[in-house]
Amino acid sequence: MAKGKRFTKAAEGIDRNAFYALGDAVKMIKANANAKFDETVEVALNLGVDPKHADQMVRGVVSLPNGTGKTLRVAVFAKDAKADEAKAAGADVVGAEDLMEAIQKGEINFERCIATPDMMAVVGRLGKVLGPRGLMPNPKLGTVTPNVAEAVKAAKGGQIEFRVEKAGIIHAGVGKASFSEDALAENIRTLVDAINKAKPTGAKGTYLKRVSISSTMGPGVKVDLASVAG
């Protein structure tokens, strides 16, 4: 669908074999984001890991300094005072057993799921539903926590999750084409820094192999690694 005249014209100005400094790459992506909607700017990072091995899994969360340009819908499993805290912090869906039943019926109208520790016995019954969608609350990601208000605000304020896929690639949205060049570059550097810090003990050889960026409907641009490491 993206391989139309606009895509072809945009791709003409990009040397597919060249590696561009981050600032130049961002400028090119913004210039080529000409769709009728505000395109998402996406980063693809090729890592020297094999996620089939537990000691080479790369996963984490990072708060992008300039947000994502997208408002996440957040569900929270909590009761009583904690449920009130979650609602006050802006959670879109809050519940306990009732929320579990709604999810079992296929009502999954959220992109992030948070739970208080005491609710994990209930949430655990949804593993087969939430797990494959990457929505299962996880203490390591800060989504199983007694501090639900803080977790909701972080999710709403530009925090993203990243997870390496089978081929050793991480894909992540880092903002919108309408963002300034500086805001996008800062978000990208923040993500790369977080992924570098999440380097697993089992990773051997070159860890960060390649970084490229693109917009939703535009061609990809390879980024010079030295320009994103700083």
C-alpha atoms as a PDB file:
ATOM      1  CA  MET A   1       0.000   0.000   0.000  1.00  0.00           C
ATOM      2  CA  ALA A   2       2.866   2.377   0.823  1.00  0.00           C
ATOM      3  CA  LYS A   3       4.619   1.554  -2.468  1.00  0.00           C
ATOM      4  CA  GLY A   4       2.717   4.219  -4.415  1.00  0.00           C
ATOM      5  CA  LYS A   5       3.981   7.267  -6.313  1.00  0.00           C
ATOM      6  CA  ARG A   6       4.561   9.263  -3.123  1.00  0.00           C
ATOM      7  CA  PHE A   7       6.678   6.479  -1.593  1.00  0.00           C
ATOM      8  CA  THR A   8       8.702   6.054  -4.801  1.00  0.00           C
ATOM      9  CA  LYS A   9       9.336   9.804  -5.050  1.00  0.00           C
ATOM     10  CA  ALA A  10      10.418   9.965  -1.387  1.00  0.00           C
ATOM     11  CA  ALA A  11      12.729   6.981  -1.805  1.00  0.00           C
ATOM     12  CA  GLU A  12      14.475   8.627  -4.778  1.00  0.00           C
ATOM     13  CA  GLY A  13      16.157  11.157  -2.493  1.00  0.00           C
ATOM     14  CA  ILE A  14      17.557   8.523  -0.132  1.00  0.00           C
ATOM     15  CA  ASP A  15      20.725   6.522  -0.731  1.00  0.00           C
ATOM     16  CA  ARG A  16      19.727   3.064   0.509  1.00  0.00           C
ATOM     17  CA  ASN A  17      23.364   2.165   1.150  1.00  0.00           C
ATOM     18  CA  ALA A  18      24.322   5.323   3.035  1.00  0.00           C
ATOM     19  CA  PHE A  19      24.315   5.877   6.780  1.00  0.00           C
ATOM     20  CA  TYR A  20      23.099   9.344   7.714  1.00  0.00           C
ATOM     21  CA  ALA A  21      23.790  11.387  10.851  1.00  0.00           C
ATOM     22  CA  LEU A  22      20.734  11.320  13.106  1.00  0.00           C
ATOM     23  CA  GLY A  23      19.854  14.977  12.538  1.00  0.00           C
ATOM     24  CA  ASP A  24      19.973  14.559   8.751  1.00  0.00           C
ATOM     25  CA  ALA A  25      17.977  11.312   8.914  1.00  0.00           C
ATOM     26  CA  VAL A  26      15.248  12.941  11.008  1.00  0.00           C
ATOM     27  CA  LYS A  27      15.087  15.905   8.593  1.00  0.00           C
ATOM     28  CA  MET A  28      14.622  13.517   5.653  1.00  0.00           C
ATOM     29  CA  ILE A  29      11.918  11.519   7.436  1.00  0.00           C
ATOM     30  CA  LYS A  30       9.979  14.685   8.309  1.00  0.00           C
ATOM     31  CA  ALA A  31      10.281  16.004   4.744  1.00  0.00           C
ATOM     32  CA  ASN A  32       8.886  12.760   3.320  1.00  0.00           C
ATOM     33  CA  ALA A  33       5.988  12.367   5.779  1.00  0.00           C
ATOM     34  CA  ASN A  34       3.312  13.721   3.450  1.00  0.00           C
ATOM     35  CA  ALA A  35       0.317  11.539   4.316  1.00  0.00           C
ATOM     36  CA  LYS A  36      -3.019  13.128   5.199  1.00  0.00           C
ATOM     37  CA  PHE A  37      -2.510  12.180   8.851  1.00  0.00           C
ATOM     38  CA  ASP A  38       0.274  12.880  11.351  1.00  0.00           C
ATOM     39  CA  GLU A  39       2.555   9.920  10.673  1.00  0.00           C
ATOM     40  CA  THR A  40       4.298   8.063  13.480  1.00  0.00           C
ATOM     41  CA  VAL A  41       8.086   8.082  13.389  1.00  0.00           C
ATOM     42  CA  GLU A  42       9.352   4.568  14.016  1.00  0.00           C
ATOM     43  CA  VAL A  43      12.781   3.214  14.906  1.00  0.00           C
ATOM     44  CA  ALA A  44      14.063  -0.267  14.034  1.00  0.00           C
ATOM     45  CA  LEU A  45      17.127  -1.496  15.926  1.00  0.00           C
ATOM     46  CA  ASN A  46      18.975  -4.651  14.867  1.00  0.00           C
ATOM     47  CA  LEU A  47      20.656  -6.253  17.870  1.00  0.00           C
ATOM     48  CA  GLY A  48      23.302  -8.960  18.092  1.00  0.00           C
ATOM     49  CA  VAL A  49      21.157 -11.221  20.266  1.00  0.00           C
ATOM     50  CA  ASP A  50      19.164 -14.422  19.880  1.00  0.00           C
ATOM     51  CA  PRO A  51      16.014 -13.923  21.978  1.00  0.00           C
ATOM     52  CA  LYS A  52      15.315 -17.670  21.937  1.00  0.00           C
ATOM     53  CA  HIS A  53      17.891 -17.794  24.748  1.00  0.00           C
ATOM     54  CA  ALA A  54      16.616 -16.383  28.054  1.00  0.00           C
ATOM     55  CA  ASP A  55      19.941 -14.673  28.783  1.00  0.00           C
ATOM     56  CA  GLN A  56      19.718 -12.753  25.492  1.00  0.00           C
ATOM     57  CA  MET A  57      16.211 -11.331  25.893  1.00  0.00           C
ATOM     58  CA  VAL A  58      16.030  -7.540  25.728  1.00  0.00           C
ATOM     59  CA  ARG A  59      12.979  -5.924  27.261  1.00  0.00           C
ATOM     60  CA  GLY A  60      12.252  -2.803  29.240  1.00  0.00           C
ATOM     61  CA  VAL A  61      10.504   0.530  29.494  1.00  0.00           C
ATOM     62  CA  VAL A  62      11.700   4.056  28.863  1.00  0.00           C
ATOM     63  CA  SER A  63      10.079   7.461  29.272  1.00  0.00           C
ATOM     64  CA  LEU A  64      10.582   9.534  26.132  1.00  0.00           C
ATOM     65  CA  PRO A  65      11.373  13.143  27.127  1.00  0.00           C
ATOM     66  CA  ASN A  66       9.049  14.594  24.492  1.00  0.00           C
ATOM     67  CA  GLY A  67       6.283  12.000  24.726  1.00  0.00           C
ATOM     68  CA  THR A  68       4.966   9.888  21.867  1.00  0.00           C
ATOM     69  CA  GLY A  69       2.243  12.145  20.489  1.00  0.00           C
ATOM     70  CA  LYS A  70      -0.215   9.368  21.238  1.00  0.00           C
ATOM     71  CA  THR A  71      -2.479   9.000  24.248  1.00  0.00           C
ATOM     72  CA  LEU A  72      -2.468   5.439  25.550  1.00  0.00           C
ATOM     73  CA  ARG A  73      -5.594   3.878  26.972  1.00  0.00           C
ATOM     74  CA  VAL A  74      -4.647   2.365  30.332  1.00  0.00           C
ATOM     75  CA  ALA A  75      -6.437  -0.397  32.266  1.00  0.00           C
ATOM     76  CA  VAL A  76      -5.753  -0.957  35.964  1.00  0.00           C
ATOM     77  CA  PHE A  77      -6.545  -3.955  38.139  1.00  0.00           C
ATOM     78  CA  ALA A  78      -7.075  -2.523  41.613  1.00  0.00           C
ATOM     79  CA  LYS A  79      -9.590  -2.347  44.451  1.00  0.00           C
ATOM     80  CA  ASP A  80     -10.828   0.225  46.930  1.00  0.00           C
ATOM     81  CA  ALA A  81      -8.408   3.104  47.609  1.00  0.00           C
ATOM     82  CA  LYS A  82      -5.970   1.952  44.929  1.00  0.00           C
ATOM     83  CA  ALA A  83      -8.800   1.882  42.367  1.00  0.00           C
ATOM     84  CA  ASP A  84      -9.665   5.464  43.339  1.00  0.00           C
ATOM     85  CA  GLU A  85      -6.006   6.472  42.957  1.00  0.00           C
ATOM     86  CA  ALA A  86      -5.875   4.932  39.481  1.00  0.00           C
ATOM     87  CA  LYS A  87      -9.046   6.762  38.377  1.00  0.00           C
ATOM     88  CA  ALA A  88      -7.760  10.063  39.747  1.00  0.00           C
ATOM     89  CA  ALA A  89      -4.493   9.594  37.828  1.00  0.00           C
ATOM     90  CA  GLY A  90      -6.393   9.204  34.554  1.00  0.00           C
ATOM     91  CA  ALA A  91      -6.783   5.436  34.085  1.00  0.00           C
ATOM     92  CA  ASP A  92      -9.350   4.663  31.382  1.00  0.00           C
ATOM     93  CA  VAL A  93     -10.561   1.322  32.758  1.00  0.00           C
ATOM     94  CA  VAL A  94     -10.384   0.268  36.422  1.00  0.00           C
ATOM     95  CA  GLY A  95     -11.714  -2.930  37.954  1.00  0.00           C
ATOM     96  CA  ALA A  96     -11.021  -6.295  39.550  1.00  0.00           C
ATOM     97  CA  GLU A  97     -12.964  -9.514  38.865  1.00  0.00           C
ATOM     98  CA  ASP A  98     -15.390  -7.500  36.724  1.00  0.00           C
ATOM     99  CA  LEU A  99     -12.529  -6.300  34.534  1.00  0.00           C
ATOM    100  CA  MET A 100     -11.212  -9.855  34.243  1.00  0.00           C
ATOM    101  CA  GLU A 101     -14.619 -11.061  33.048  1.00  0.00           C
ATOM    102  CA  ALA A 102     -14.856  -8.241  30.502  1.00  0.00           C
ATOM    103  CA  ILE A 103     -11.407  -9.134  29.094  1.00  0.00           C
ATOM    104  CA  GLN A 104     -12.377 -12.821  28.911  1.00  0.00           C
ATOM    105  CA  LYS A 105     -15.329 -11.737  26.746  1.00  0.00           C
ATOM    106  CA  GLY A 106     -12.917 -10.007  24.388  1.00  0.00           C
ATOM    107  CA  GLU A 107     -13.334  -6.449  25.655  1.00  0.00           C
ATOM    108  CA  ILE A 108      -9.723  -5.285  25.341  1.00  0.00           C
ATOM    109  CA  ASN A 109      -9.955  -1.562  24.663  1.00  0.00           C
ATOM    110  CA  PHE A 110      -6.597  -0.529  26.154  1.00  0.00           C
ATOM    111  CA  GLU A 111      -2.893  -0.533  25.225  1.00  0.00           C
ATOM    112  CA  ARG A 112      -1.305  -0.796  28.692  1.00  0.00           C
ATOM    113  CA  CYS A 113      -2.338  -2.917  31.673  1.00  0.00           C
ATOM    114  CA  ILE A 114      -1.272  -2.184  35.252  1.00  0.00           C
ATOM    115  CA  ALA A 115      -2.056  -4.168  38.399  1.00  0.00           C
ATOM    116  CA  THR A 116      -1.491  -3.894  42.131  1.00  0.00           C
ATOM    117  CA  PRO A 117       0.412  -6.904  43.528  1.00  0.00           C
ATOM    118  CA  ASP A 118      -2.655  -8.235  45.385  1.00  0.00           C
ATOM    119  CA  MET A 119      -4.570  -8.484  42.094  1.00  0.00           C
ATOM    120  CA  MET A 120      -2.102 -10.811  40.351  1.00  0.00           C
ATOM    121  CA  ALA A 121      -4.036 -13.938  41.329  1.00  0.00           C
ATOM    122  CA  VAL A 122      -6.917 -12.554  39.254  1.00  0.00           C
ATOM    123  CA  VAL A 123      -4.726 -11.204  36.459  1.00  0.00           C
ATOM    124  CA  GLY A 124      -2.821 -14.501  36.245  1.00  0.00           C
ATOM    125  CA  ARG A 125      -5.959 -16.167  34.884  1.00  0.00           C
ATOM    126  CA  LEU A 126      -5.706 -13.906  31.832  1.00  0.00           C
ATOM    127  CA  GLY A 127      -2.193 -14.986  30.818  1.00  0.00           C
ATOM    128  CA  LYS A 128      -3.328 -16.671  27.594  1.00  0.00           C
ATOM    129  CA  VAL A 129      -5.294 -13.589  26.592  1.00  0.00           C
ATOM    130  CA  LEU A 130      -2.996 -10.755  27.654  1.00  0.00           C
ATOM    131  CA  GLY A 131       0.368 -12.514  27.184  1.00  0.00           C
ATOM    132  CA  PRO A 132       0.324 -12.865  23.375  1.00  0.00           C
ATOM    133  CA  ARG A 133      -0.738  -9.212  23.083  1.00  0.00           C
ATOM    134  CA  GLY A 134       2.162  -8.019  25.243  1.00  0.00           C
ATOM    135  CA  LEU A 135      -0.298  -6.648  27.809  1.00  0.00           C
ATOM    136  CA  MET A 136       0.471  -8.876  30.800  1.00  0.00           C
ATOM    137  CA  PRO A 137       1.464  -6.775  33.830  1.00  0.00           C
ATOM    138  CA  ASN A 138       5.092  -7.362  34.785  1.00  0.00           C
ATOM    139  CA  PRO A 139       6.989  -6.200  37.903  1.00  0.00           C
ATOM    140  CA  LYS A 140      10.183  -5.671  35.860  1.00  0.00           C
ATOM    141  CA  LEU A 141       8.335  -3.230  33.617  1.00  0.00           C
ATOM    142  CA  GLY A 142       6.770  -1.370  36.528  1.00  0.00           C
ATOM    143  CA  THR A 143       3.263  -2.505  35.599  1.00  0.00           C
ATOM    144  CA  VAL A 144       2.820  -4.595  38.757  1.00  0.00           C
ATOM    145  CA  THR A 145       3.136  -2.002  41.470  1.00  0.00           C
ATOM    146  CA  PRO A 146       1.386  -0.552  44.527  1.00  0.00           C
ATOM    147  CA  ASN A 147       2.115   2.905  43.073  1.00  0.00           C
ATOM    148  CA  VAL A 148      -0.670   2.745  40.505  1.00  0.00           C
ATOM    149  CA  ALA A 149      -1.082   6.508  40.179  1.00  0.00           C
ATOM    150  CA  GLU A 150       2.607   6.906  39.295  1.00  0.00           C
ATOM    151  CA  ALA A 151       2.424   4.026  36.797  1.00  0.00           C
ATOM    152  CA  VAL A 152      -0.677   5.459  35.106  1.00  0.00           C
ATOM    153  CA  LYS A 153       0.892   8.922  34.806  1.00  0.00           C
ATOM    154  CA  ALA A 154       4.087   7.405  33.344  1.00  0.00           C
ATOM    155  CA  ALA A 155       2.107   5.413  30.765  1.00  0.00           C
ATOM    156  CA  LYS A 156       0.108   8.500  29.812  1.00  0.00           C
ATOM    157  CA  GLY A 157       3.161  10.744  29.775  1.00  0.00           C
ATOM    158  CA  GLY A 158       5.263   9.116  27.085  1.00  0.00           C
ATOM    159  CA  GLN A 159       6.586   5.910  28.605  1.00  0.00           C
ATOM    160  CA  ILE A 160       6.983   3.117  26.049  1.00  0.00           C
ATOM    161  CA  GLU A 161       7.801  -0.562  26.326  1.00  0.00           C
ATOM    162  CA  PHE A 162      10.378  -2.191  24.084  1.00  0.00           C
ATOM    163  CA  ARG A 163      10.935  -5.875  23.434  1.00  0.00           C
ATOM    164  CA  VAL A 164      13.233  -7.668  21.015  1.00  0.00           C
ATOM    165  CA  GLU A 165      11.469  -9.810  18.393  1.00  0.00           C
ATOM    166  CA  LYS A 166      12.514 -13.241  17.127  1.00  0.00           C
ATOM    167  CA  ALA A 167      14.848 -11.860  14.479  1.00  0.00           C
ATOM    168  CA  GLY A 168      16.727  -9.733  17.030  1.00  0.00           C
ATOM    169  CA  ILE A 169      14.947  -6.509  16.066  1.00  0.00           C
ATOM    170  CA  ILE A 170      13.226  -3.921  18.267  1.00  0.00           C
ATOM    171  CA  HIS A 171      10.542  -1.732  16.692  1.00  0.00           C
ATOM    172  CA  ALA A 172       9.287   1.333  18.565  1.00  0.00           C
ATOM    173  CA  GLY A 173       7.316   4.486  17.843  1.00  0.00           C
ATOM    174  CA  VAL A 174       9.205   7.555  19.062  1.00  0.00           C
ATOM    175  CA  GLY A 175       6.903  10.429  18.180  1.00  0.00           C
ATOM    176  CA  LYS A 176       5.013  12.055  15.338  1.00  0.00           C
ATOM    177  CA  ALA A 177       6.203  13.642  12.115  1.00  0.00           C
ATOM    178  CA  SER A 178       4.836  16.951  13.438  1.00  0.00           C
ATOM    179  CA  PHE A 179       7.401  16.911  16.277  1.00  0.00           C
ATOM    180  CA  SER A 180      10.431  19.174  15.919  1.00  0.00           C
ATOM    181  CA  GLU A 181      13.663  17.654  14.626  1.00  0.00           C
ATOM    182  CA  ASP A 182      15.288  18.176  18.025  1.00  0.00           C
ATOM    183  CA  ALA A 183      12.406  16.501  19.892  1.00  0.00           C
ATOM    184  CA  LEU A 184      12.526  13.433  17.656  1.00  0.00           C
ATOM    185  CA  ALA A 185      16.324  13.180  17.860  1.00  0.00           C
ATOM    186  CA  GLU A 186      16.210  13.449  21.653  1.00  0.00           C
ATOM    187  CA  ASN A 187      13.545  10.737  21.874  1.00  0.00           C
ATOM    188  CA  ILE A 188      15.559   8.434  19.606  1.00  0.00           C
ATOM    189  CA  ARG A 189      18.761   8.928  21.604  1.00  0.00           C
ATOM    190  CA  THR A 190      16.865   8.255  24.831  1.00  0.00           C
ATOM    191  CA  LEU A 191      15.478   4.989  23.436  1.00  0.00           C
ATOM    192  CA  VAL A 192      18.870   3.834  22.127  1.00  0.00           C
ATOM    193  CA  ASP A 193      20.474   4.666  25.474  1.00  0.00           C
ATOM    194  CA  ALA A 194      17.834   2.618  27.337  1.00  0.00           C
ATOM    195  CA  ILE A 195      18.355  -0.343  24.991  1.00  0.00           C
ATOM    196  CA  ASN A 196      22.123  -0.132  25.449  1.00  0.00           C
ATOM    197  CA  LYS A 197      21.631  -0.177  29.232  1.00  0.00           C
ATOM    198  CA  ALA A 198      19.357  -3.221  28.863  1.00  0.00           C
ATOM    199  CA  LYS A 199      22.139  -5.225  27.180  1.00  0.00           C
ATOM    200  CA  PRO A 200      21.724  -8.808  28.416  1.00  0.00           C
ATOM    201  CA  THR A 201      24.534 -10.812  29.985  1.00  0.00           C
ATOM    202  CA  GLY A 202      24.392 -13.407  27.206  1.00  0.00           C
ATOM    203  CA  ALA A 203      24.986 -10.920  24.369  1.00  0.00           C
ATOM    204  CA  LYS A 204      28.261 -11.612  22.573  1.00  0.00           C
ATOM    205  CA  GLY A 205      30.051  -9.586  19.904  1.00  0.00           C
ATOM    206  CA  THR A 206      28.490  -6.425  18.511  1.00  0.00           C
ATOM    207  CA  TYR A 207      25.306  -5.614  20.436  1.00  0.00           C
ATOM    208  CA  LEU A 208      23.859  -2.624  18.557  1.00  0.00           C
ATOM    209  CA  LYS A 209      24.243  -3.532  14.882  1.00  0.00           C
ATOM    210  CA  ARG A 210      22.020  -1.140  12.965  1.00  0.00           C
ATOM    211  CA  VAL A 211      19.503   1.636  13.499  1.00  0.00           C
ATOM    212  CA  SER A 212      17.058   2.901  10.906  1.00  0.00           C
ATOM    213  CA  ILE A 213      14.106   5.255  11.108  1.00  0.00           C
ATOM    214  CA  SER A 214      10.996   5.708   9.004  1.00  0.00           C
ATOM    215  CA  SER A 215       7.568   7.277   9.113  1.00  0.00           C
ATOM    216  CA  THR A 216       4.351   5.260   8.826  1.00  0.00           C
ATOM    217  CA  MET A 217       4.071   5.645   5.048  1.00  0.00           C
ATOM    218  CA  GLY A 218       7.631   6.623   4.180  1.00  0.00           C
ATOM    219  CA  PRO A 219      10.872   4.840   3.252  1.00  0.00           C
ATOM    220  CA  GLY A 220      13.474   3.892   5.829  1.00  0.00           C
ATOM    221  CA  VAL A 221      16.716   5.781   6.430  1.00  0.00           C
ATOM    222  CA  LYS A 222      19.806   4.116   7.922  1.00  0.00           C
ATOM    223  CA  VAL A 223      21.368   6.045  10.789  1.00  0.00           C
ATOM    224  CA  ASP A 224      25.072   6.349  11.568  1.00  0.00           C
ATOM    225  CA  LEU A 225      25.464   4.604  14.941  1.00  0.00           C
ATOM    226  CA  ALA A 226      28.000   7.130  16.226  1.00  0.00           C
ATOM    227  CA  SER A 227      25.393   9.902  15.900  1.00  0.00           C
ATOM    228  CA  VAL A 228      22.859   8.196  18.179  1.00  0.00           C
ATOM    229  CA  ALA A 229      25.226   7.031  20.887  1.00  0.00           C
ATOM    230  CA  GLY A 230      25.797  10.478  22.342  1.00  0.00           C
END
